[in-house]
Amino acid sequence: MGKIILRLDRVMADRKMSLNELSEKVGIANVNLSKIKTGKISAIRFSTLIAICEALECQPGDILEYSDKD
């Protein structure tokens, strides 16, 4: 079975945006954003994904990647 890989850390680094700054722009707690960044989540709300994409000026595909490798 494939898996979804989160690349939020890479996009944040490309934009030179800190976790605190993104947290303020998105309006979610640092701890929850950190879980997204490290991939320690099993789901993400579309509203959260939209807010992250708006703050980072990116597309969902820049943050989410599908891999069929184990």
Foldseek 3Di string as FASTA:
>chain_A
DKDKDFPLVVLCVVQVHDLVRLCVQLVHDSVVSVCSNVVVDDDDDPSSLVSSCVVSVHDSCNTIDMDPDD
